[in-house]
Amino acid sequence: MICPEELTILISATAASIAQGKSLLELNLLSCFFVQLGDSLATIAVQREVIEECCCPPKDSDSENSSSSNRIII
């Protein structure tokens, strides 16, 4: 797995490369596209986590004692 610092450098270098030769309008459009893409991916990840927590509890003795009122379903 890539370390956080290397990931930041990779993202910055990718952004600089994509930006070359693009107009301000094109850059704004690309920015909006990638922001929405990131937000959509985050929404999917959170929903999967919620479903996993609610529907697939861990198989240990503590899970039998947990209350279903503490679960959130979206």
PDB file of N, CA and C in Angstrom:
ATOM      1  N   MET A   1       0.846  -1.175   0.000  1.00  0.00           N
ATOM      2  CA  MET A   1       0.000   0.000   0.000  1.00  0.00           C
ATOM      3  C   MET A   1       0.891   1.238   0.000  1.00  0.00           C
ATOM      4  N   ILE A   2       0.443   2.252  -0.693  1.00  0.00           N
ATOM      5  CA  ILE A   2       1.210   3.491  -0.811  1.00  0.00           C
ATOM      6  C   ILE A   2       1.047   4.327   0.468  1.00  0.00           C
ATOM      7  N   CYS A   3       2.129   4.970   0.888  1.00  0.00           N
ATOM      8  CA  CYS A   3       2.065   5.786   2.106  1.00  0.00           C
ATOM      9  C   CYS A   3       1.339   7.107   1.807  1.00  0.00           C
ATOM     10  N   PRO A   4       0.779   7.749   2.833  1.00  0.00           N
ATOM     11  CA  PRO A   4       0.004   8.983   2.615  1.00  0.00           C
ATOM     12  C   PRO A   4       0.785  10.089   1.916  1.00  0.00           C
ATOM     13  N   GLU A   5       2.053  10.245   2.252  1.00  0.00           N
ATOM     14  CA  GLU A   5       2.855  11.294   1.639  1.00  0.00           C
ATOM     15  C   GLU A   5       3.053  11.038   0.147  1.00  0.00           C
ATOM     16  N   GLU A   6       3.328   9.795  -0.212  1.00  0.00           N
ATOM     17  CA  GLU A   6       3.511   9.444  -1.622  1.00  0.00           C
ATOM     18  C   GLU A   6       2.208   9.615  -2.390  1.00  0.00           C
ATOM     19  N   LEU A   7       1.087   9.274  -1.758  1.00  0.00           N
ATOM     20  CA  LEU A   7      -0.207   9.434  -2.404  1.00  0.00           C
ATOM     21  C   LEU A   7      -0.483  10.902  -2.702  1.00  0.00           C
ATOM     22  N   THR A   8      -0.164  11.781  -1.752  1.00  0.00           N
ATOM     23  CA  THR A   8      -0.352  13.219  -1.955  1.00  0.00           C
ATOM     24  C   THR A   8       0.489  13.716  -3.115  1.00  0.00           C
ATOM     25  N   ILE A   9       1.726  13.284  -3.194  1.00  0.00           N
ATOM     26  CA  ILE A   9       2.622  13.689  -4.292  1.00  0.00           C
ATOM     27  C   ILE A   9       2.084  13.163  -5.622  1.00  0.00           C
ATOM     28  N   LEU A  10       1.623  11.929  -5.638  1.00  0.00           N
ATOM     29  CA  LEU A  10       1.078  11.331  -6.859  1.00  0.00           C
ATOM     30  C   LEU A  10      -0.151  12.099  -7.339  1.00  0.00           C
ATOM     31  N   ILE A  11      -1.047  12.446  -6.416  1.00  0.00           N
ATOM     32  CA  ILE A  11      -2.259  13.187  -6.778  1.00  0.00           C
ATOM     33  C   ILE A  11      -1.902  14.566  -7.320  1.00  0.00           C
ATOM     34  N   SER A  12      -0.974  15.255  -6.661  1.00  0.00           N
ATOM     35  CA  SER A  12      -0.562  16.588  -7.113  1.00  0.00           C
ATOM     36  C   SER A  12       0.085  16.536  -8.489  1.00  0.00           C
ATOM     37  N   ALA A  13       0.928  15.555  -8.713  1.00  0.00           N
ATOM     38  CA  ALA A  13       1.581  15.419 -10.016  1.00  0.00           C
ATOM     39  C   ALA A  13       0.563  15.095 -11.106  1.00  0.00           C
ATOM     40  N   THR A  14      -0.414  14.276 -10.780  1.00  0.00           N
ATOM     41  CA  THR A  14      -1.470  13.942 -11.733  1.00  0.00           C
ATOM     42  C   THR A  14      -2.296  15.174 -12.076  1.00  0.00           C
ATOM     43  N   ALA A  15      -2.637  15.968 -11.060  1.00  0.00           N
ATOM     44  CA  ALA A  15      -3.401  17.194 -11.293  1.00  0.00           C
ATOM     45  C   ALA A  15      -2.624  18.156 -12.179  1.00  0.00           C
ATOM     46  N   ALA A  16      -1.340  18.324 -11.909  1.00  0.00           N
ATOM     47  CA  ALA A  16      -0.513  19.227 -12.719  1.00  0.00           C
ATOM     48  C   ALA A  16      -0.442  18.740 -14.165  1.00  0.00           C
ATOM     49  N   SER A  17      -0.341  17.451 -14.342  1.00  0.00           N
ATOM     50  CA  SER A  17      -0.285  16.884 -15.686  1.00  0.00           C
ATOM     51  C   SER A  17      -1.604  17.078 -16.437  1.00  0.00           C
ATOM     52  N   ILE A  18      -2.708  16.826 -15.759  1.00  0.00           N
ATOM     53  CA  ILE A  18      -4.023  17.000 -16.377  1.00  0.00           C
ATOM     54  C   ILE A  18      -4.257  18.470 -16.739  1.00  0.00           C
ATOM     55  N   ALA A  19      -3.789  19.391 -15.898  1.00  0.00           N
ATOM     56  CA  ALA A  19      -4.040  20.825 -16.081  1.00  0.00           C
ATOM     57  C   ALA A  19      -3.289  21.427 -17.260  1.00  0.00           C
ATOM     58  N   GLN A  20      -2.201  20.790 -17.683  1.00  0.00           N
ATOM     59  CA  GLN A  20      -1.407  21.356 -18.779  1.00  0.00           C
ATOM     60  C   GLN A  20      -2.247  21.491 -20.041  1.00  0.00           C
ATOM     61  N   GLY A  21      -2.259  22.710 -20.589  1.00  0.00           N
ATOM     62  CA  GLY A  21      -2.944  22.961 -21.848  1.00  0.00           C
ATOM     63  C   GLY A  21      -4.453  23.133 -21.731  1.00  0.00           C
ATOM     64  N   LYS A  22      -4.990  23.103 -20.525  1.00  0.00           N
ATOM     65  CA  LYS A  22      -6.440  23.244 -20.333  1.00  0.00           C
ATOM     66  C   LYS A  22      -6.780  24.702 -20.042  1.00  0.00           C
ATOM     67  N   SER A  23      -7.942  25.123 -20.515  1.00  0.00           N
ATOM     68  CA  SER A  23      -8.420  26.476 -20.224  1.00  0.00           C
ATOM     69  C   SER A  23      -8.960  26.505 -18.801  1.00  0.00           C
ATOM     70  N   LEU A  24      -9.213  27.704 -18.309  1.00  0.00           N
ATOM     71  CA  LEU A  24      -9.784  27.869 -16.975  1.00  0.00           C
ATOM     72  C   LEU A  24     -11.154  27.196 -16.893  1.00  0.00           C
ATOM     73  N   LEU A  25     -11.946  27.335 -17.926  1.00  0.00           N
ATOM     74  CA  LEU A  25     -13.265  26.698 -17.968  1.00  0.00           C
ATOM     75  C   LEU A  25     -13.141  25.175 -17.917  1.00  0.00           C
ATOM     76  N   GLU A  26     -12.213  24.622 -18.680  1.00  0.00           N
ATOM     77  CA  GLU A  26     -11.997  23.180 -18.674  1.00  0.00           C
ATOM     78  C   GLU A  26     -11.525  22.692 -17.297  1.00  0.00           C
ATOM     79  N   LEU A  27     -10.643  23.469 -16.667  1.00  0.00           N
ATOM     80  CA  LEU A  27     -10.161  23.093 -15.341  1.00  0.00           C
ATOM     81  C   LEU A  27     -11.296  23.098 -14.319  1.00  0.00           C
ATOM     82  N   ASN A  28     -12.155  24.111 -14.386  1.00  0.00           N
ATOM     83  CA  ASN A  28     -13.293  24.164 -13.470  1.00  0.00           C
ATOM     84  C   ASN A  28     -14.235  22.983 -13.684  1.00  0.00           C
ATOM     85  N   LEU A  29     -14.477  22.626 -14.929  1.00  0.00           N
ATOM     86  CA  LEU A  29     -15.345  21.496 -15.229  1.00  0.00           C
ATOM     87  C   LEU A  29     -14.733  20.184 -14.724  1.00  0.00           C
ATOM     88  N   LEU A  30     -13.442  19.997 -14.969  1.00  0.00           N
ATOM     89  CA  LEU A  30     -12.763  18.794 -14.481  1.00  0.00           C
ATOM     90  C   LEU A  30     -12.785  18.732 -12.949  1.00  0.00           C
ATOM     91  N   SER A  31     -12.582  19.871 -12.321  1.00  0.00           N
ATOM     92  CA  SER A  31     -12.616  19.931 -10.869  1.00  0.00           C
ATOM     93  C   SER A  31     -13.979  19.499 -10.339  1.00  0.00           C
ATOM     94  N   CYS A  32     -15.034  20.035 -10.925  1.00  0.00           N
ATOM     95  CA  CYS A  32     -16.392  19.648 -10.508  1.00  0.00           C
ATOM     96  C   CYS A  32     -16.633  18.160 -10.722  1.00  0.00           C
ATOM     97  N   PHE A  33     -16.162  17.641 -11.845  1.00  0.00           N
ATOM     98  CA  PHE A  33     -16.314  16.215 -12.147  1.00  0.00           C
ATOM     99  C   PHE A  33     -15.661  15.360 -11.073  1.00  0.00           C
ATOM    100  N   PHE A  34     -14.406  15.671 -10.731  1.00  0.00           N
ATOM    101  CA  PHE A  34     -13.684  14.846  -9.775  1.00  0.00           C
ATOM    102  C   PHE A  34     -14.200  15.021  -8.342  1.00  0.00           C
ATOM    103  N   VAL A  35     -14.699  16.202  -8.006  1.00  0.00           N
ATOM    104  CA  VAL A  35     -15.309  16.394  -6.689  1.00  0.00           C
ATOM    105  C   VAL A  35     -16.552  15.522  -6.576  1.00  0.00           C
ATOM    106  N   GLN A  36     -17.396  15.548  -7.598  1.00  0.00           N
ATOM    107  CA  GLN A  36     -18.609  14.735  -7.560  1.00  0.00           C
ATOM    108  C   GLN A  36     -18.264  13.252  -7.554  1.00  0.00           C
ATOM    109  N   LEU A  37     -17.266  12.861  -8.310  1.00  0.00           N
ATOM    110  CA  LEU A  37     -16.827  11.465  -8.314  1.00  0.00           C
ATOM    111  C   LEU A  37     -16.390  11.040  -6.918  1.00  0.00           C
ATOM    112  N   GLY A  38     -15.574  11.868  -6.264  1.00  0.00           N
ATOM    113  CA  GLY A  38     -15.114  11.559  -4.911  1.00  0.00           C
ATOM    114  C   GLY A  38     -16.255  11.490  -3.918  1.00  0.00           C
ATOM    115  N   ASP A  39     -17.196  12.430  -4.017  1.00  0.00           N
ATOM    116  CA  ASP A  39     -18.352  12.415  -3.119  1.00  0.00           C
ATOM    117  C   ASP A  39     -19.201  11.167  -3.329  1.00  0.00           C
ATOM    118  N   SER A  40     -19.390  10.774  -4.570  1.00  0.00           N
ATOM    119  CA  SER A  40     -20.178   9.572  -4.862  1.00  0.00           C
ATOM    120  C   SER A  40     -19.488   8.319  -4.331  1.00  0.00           C
ATOM    121  N   LEU A  41     -18.181   8.240  -4.490  1.00  0.00           N
ATOM    122  CA  LEU A  41     -17.438   7.095  -3.961  1.00  0.00           C
ATOM    123  C   LEU A  41     -17.511   7.047  -2.433  1.00  0.00           C
ATOM    124  N   ALA A  42     -17.428   8.213  -1.795  1.00  0.00           N
ATOM    125  CA  ALA A  42     -17.532   8.262  -0.337  1.00  0.00           C
ATOM    126  C   ALA A  42     -18.921   7.824   0.125  1.00  0.00           C
ATOM    127  N   THR A  43     -19.961   8.241  -0.592  1.00  0.00           N
ATOM    128  CA  THR A  43     -21.322   7.832  -0.252  1.00  0.00           C
ATOM    129  C   THR A  43     -21.487   6.325  -0.374  1.00  0.00           C
ATOM    130  N   ILE A  44     -20.965   5.752  -1.429  1.00  0.00           N
ATOM    131  CA  ILE A  44     -21.038   4.297  -1.628  1.00  0.00           C
ATOM    132  C   ILE A  44     -20.294   3.574  -0.513  1.00  0.00           C
ATOM    133  N   ALA A  45     -19.108   4.052  -0.161  1.00  0.00           N
ATOM    134  CA  ALA A  45     -18.311   3.411   0.892  1.00  0.00           C
ATOM    135  C   ALA A  45     -19.030   3.453   2.236  1.00  0.00           C
ATOM    136  N   VAL A  46     -19.606   4.602   2.583  1.00  0.00           N
ATOM    137  CA  VAL A  46     -20.321   4.725   3.859  1.00  0.00           C
ATOM    138  C   VAL A  46     -21.538   3.822   3.869  1.00  0.00           C
ATOM    139  N   GLN A  47     -22.285   3.792   2.785  1.00  0.00           N
ATOM    140  CA  GLN A  47     -23.477   2.950   2.730  1.00  0.00           C
ATOM    141  C   GLN A  47     -23.101   1.474   2.861  1.00  0.00           C
ATOM    142  N   ARG A  48     -22.023   1.053   2.218  1.00  0.00           N
ATOM    143  CA  ARG A  48     -21.573  -0.337   2.362  1.00  0.00           C
ATOM    144  C   ARG A  48     -21.190  -0.638   3.809  1.00  0.00           C
ATOM    145  N   GLU A  49     -20.531   0.316   4.455  1.00  0.00           N
ATOM    146  CA  GLU A  49     -20.139   0.129   5.854  1.00  0.00           C
ATOM    147  C   GLU A  49     -21.365   0.022   6.741  1.00  0.00           C
ATOM    148  N   VAL A  50     -22.366   0.876   6.514  1.00  0.00           N
ATOM    149  CA  VAL A  50     -23.597   0.832   7.303  1.00  0.00           C
ATOM    150  C   VAL A  50     -24.305  -0.505   7.116  1.00  0.00           C
ATOM    151  N   ILE A  51     -24.411  -0.950   5.880  1.00  0.00           N
ATOM    152  CA  ILE A  51     -25.067  -2.225   5.603  1.00  0.00           C
ATOM    153  C   ILE A  51     -24.311  -3.366   6.264  1.00  0.00           C
ATOM    154  N   GLU A  52     -22.991  -3.339   6.181  1.00  0.00           N
ATOM    155  CA  GLU A  52     -22.178  -4.389   6.800  1.00  0.00           C
ATOM    156  C   GLU A  52     -22.363  -4.401   8.316  1.00  0.00           C
ATOM    157  N   GLU A  53     -22.375  -3.225   8.937  1.00  0.00           N
ATOM    158  CA  GLU A  53     -22.544  -3.134  10.389  1.00  0.00           C
ATOM    159  C   GLU A  53     -23.933  -3.604  10.823  1.00  0.00           C
ATOM    160  N   CYS A  54     -24.946  -3.250  10.055  1.00  0.00           N
ATOM    161  CA  CYS A  54     -26.321  -3.568  10.435  1.00  0.00           C
ATOM    162  C   CYS A  54     -26.720  -5.001  10.093  1.00  0.00           C
ATOM    163  N   CYS A  55     -26.251  -5.461   8.973  1.00  0.00           N
ATOM    164  CA  CYS A  55     -26.739  -6.747   8.459  1.00  0.00           C
ATOM    165  C   CYS A  55     -25.768  -7.901   8.642  1.00  0.00           C
ATOM    166  N   CYS A  56     -24.535  -7.616   8.891  1.00  0.00           N
ATOM    167  CA  CYS A  56     -23.514  -8.662   9.000  1.00  0.00           C
ATOM    168  C   CYS A  56     -22.694  -8.451  10.258  1.00  0.00           C
ATOM    169  N   PRO A  57     -23.310  -8.578  11.445  1.00  0.00           N
ATOM    170  CA  PRO A  57     -22.536  -8.360  12.672  1.00  0.00           C
ATOM    171  C   PRO A  57     -21.434  -9.396  12.826  1.00  0.00           C
ATOM    172  N   PRO A  58     -20.370  -9.050  13.559  1.00  0.00           N
ATOM    173  CA  PRO A  58     -19.276  -9.994  13.776  1.00  0.00           C
ATOM    174  C   PRO A  58     -19.783 -11.235  14.497  1.00  0.00           C
ATOM    175  N   LYS A  59     -19.151 -12.349  14.231  1.00  0.00           N
ATOM    176  CA  LYS A  59     -19.569 -13.618  14.837  1.00  0.00           C
ATOM    177  C   LYS A  59     -18.810 -13.854  16.135  1.00  0.00           C
ATOM    178  N   ASP A  60     -19.189 -13.104  17.184  1.00  0.00           N
ATOM    179  CA  ASP A  60     -18.617 -13.321  18.509  1.00  0.00           C
ATOM    180  C   ASP A  60     -19.722 -13.189  19.541  1.00  0.00           C
ATOM    181  N   SER A  61     -19.417 -13.468  20.774  1.00  0.00           N
ATOM    182  CA  SER A  61     -20.426 -13.460  21.825  1.00  0.00           C
ATOM    183  C   SER A  61     -20.958 -12.065  22.106  1.00  0.00           C
ATOM    184  N   ASP A  62     -20.148 -11.014  21.858  1.00  0.00           N
ATOM    185  CA  ASP A  62     -20.600  -9.649  22.098  1.00  0.00           C
ATOM    186  C   ASP A  62     -21.709  -9.236  21.144  1.00  0.00           C
ATOM    187  N   SER A  63     -21.699  -9.789  19.924  1.00  0.00           N
ATOM    188  CA  SER A  63     -22.703  -9.386  18.954  1.00  0.00           C
ATOM    189  C   SER A  63     -24.089  -9.865  19.350  1.00  0.00           C
ATOM    190  N   GLU A  64     -24.172 -10.937  20.120  1.00  0.00           N
ATOM    191  CA  GLU A  64     -25.467 -11.436  20.558  1.00  0.00           C
ATOM    192  C   GLU A  64     -26.093 -10.513  21.589  1.00  0.00           C
ATOM    193  N   ASN A  65     -25.262  -9.777  22.334  1.00  0.00           N
ATOM    194  CA  ASN A  65     -25.755  -8.897  23.383  1.00  0.00           C
ATOM    195  C   ASN A  65     -26.016  -7.480  22.913  1.00  0.00           C
ATOM    196  N   SER A  66     -25.667  -7.167  21.661  1.00  0.00           N
ATOM    197  CA  SER A  66     -25.844  -5.792  21.190  1.00  0.00           C
ATOM    198  C   SER A  66     -27.303  -5.544  20.866  1.00  0.00           C
ATOM    199  N   SER A  67     -27.735  -4.326  21.105  1.00  0.00           N
ATOM    200  CA  SER A  67     -29.117  -3.945  20.879  1.00  0.00           C
ATOM    201  C   SER A  67     -29.310  -3.475  19.445  1.00  0.00           C
ATOM    202  N   SER A  68     -30.386  -3.884  18.837  1.00  0.00           N
ATOM    203  CA  SER A  68     -30.655  -3.457  17.464  1.00  0.00           C
ATOM    204  C   SER A  68     -31.059  -1.999  17.403  1.00  0.00           C
ATOM    205  N   SER A  69     -31.408  -1.394  18.543  1.00  0.00           N
ATOM    206  CA  SER A  69     -31.788   0.024  18.543  1.00  0.00           C
ATOM    207  C   SER A  69     -30.593   0.938  18.277  1.00  0.00           C
ATOM    208  N   ASN A  70     -29.383   0.427  18.401  1.00  0.00           N
ATOM    209  CA  ASN A  70     -28.176   1.213  18.145  1.00  0.00           C
ATOM    210  C   ASN A  70     -27.779   1.192  16.675  1.00  0.00           C
ATOM    211  N   ARG A  71     -28.500   0.470  15.863  1.00  0.00           N
ATOM    212  CA  ARG A  71     -28.142   0.339  14.459  1.00  0.00           C
ATOM    213  C   ARG A  71     -28.832   1.405  13.625  1.00  0.00           C
ATOM    214  N   ILE A  72     -28.130   1.867  12.590  1.00  0.00           N
ATOM    215  CA  ILE A  72     -28.650   2.884  11.703  1.00  0.00           C
ATOM    216  C   ILE A  72     -28.796   2.251  10.319  1.00  0.00           C
ATOM    217  N   ILE A  73     -29.961   2.379   9.739  1.00  0.00           N
ATOM    218  CA  ILE A  73     -30.190   1.891   8.382  1.00  0.00           C
ATOM    219  C   ILE A  73     -30.637   3.063   7.538  1.00  0.00           C
ATOM    220  N   ILE A  74     -29.937   3.251   6.432  1.00  0.00           N
ATOM    221  CA  ILE A  74     -30.264   4.363   5.533  1.00  0.00           C
ATOM    222  C   ILE A  74     -30.891   3.808   4.283  1.00  0.00           C
TER     223      ILE A  74
END
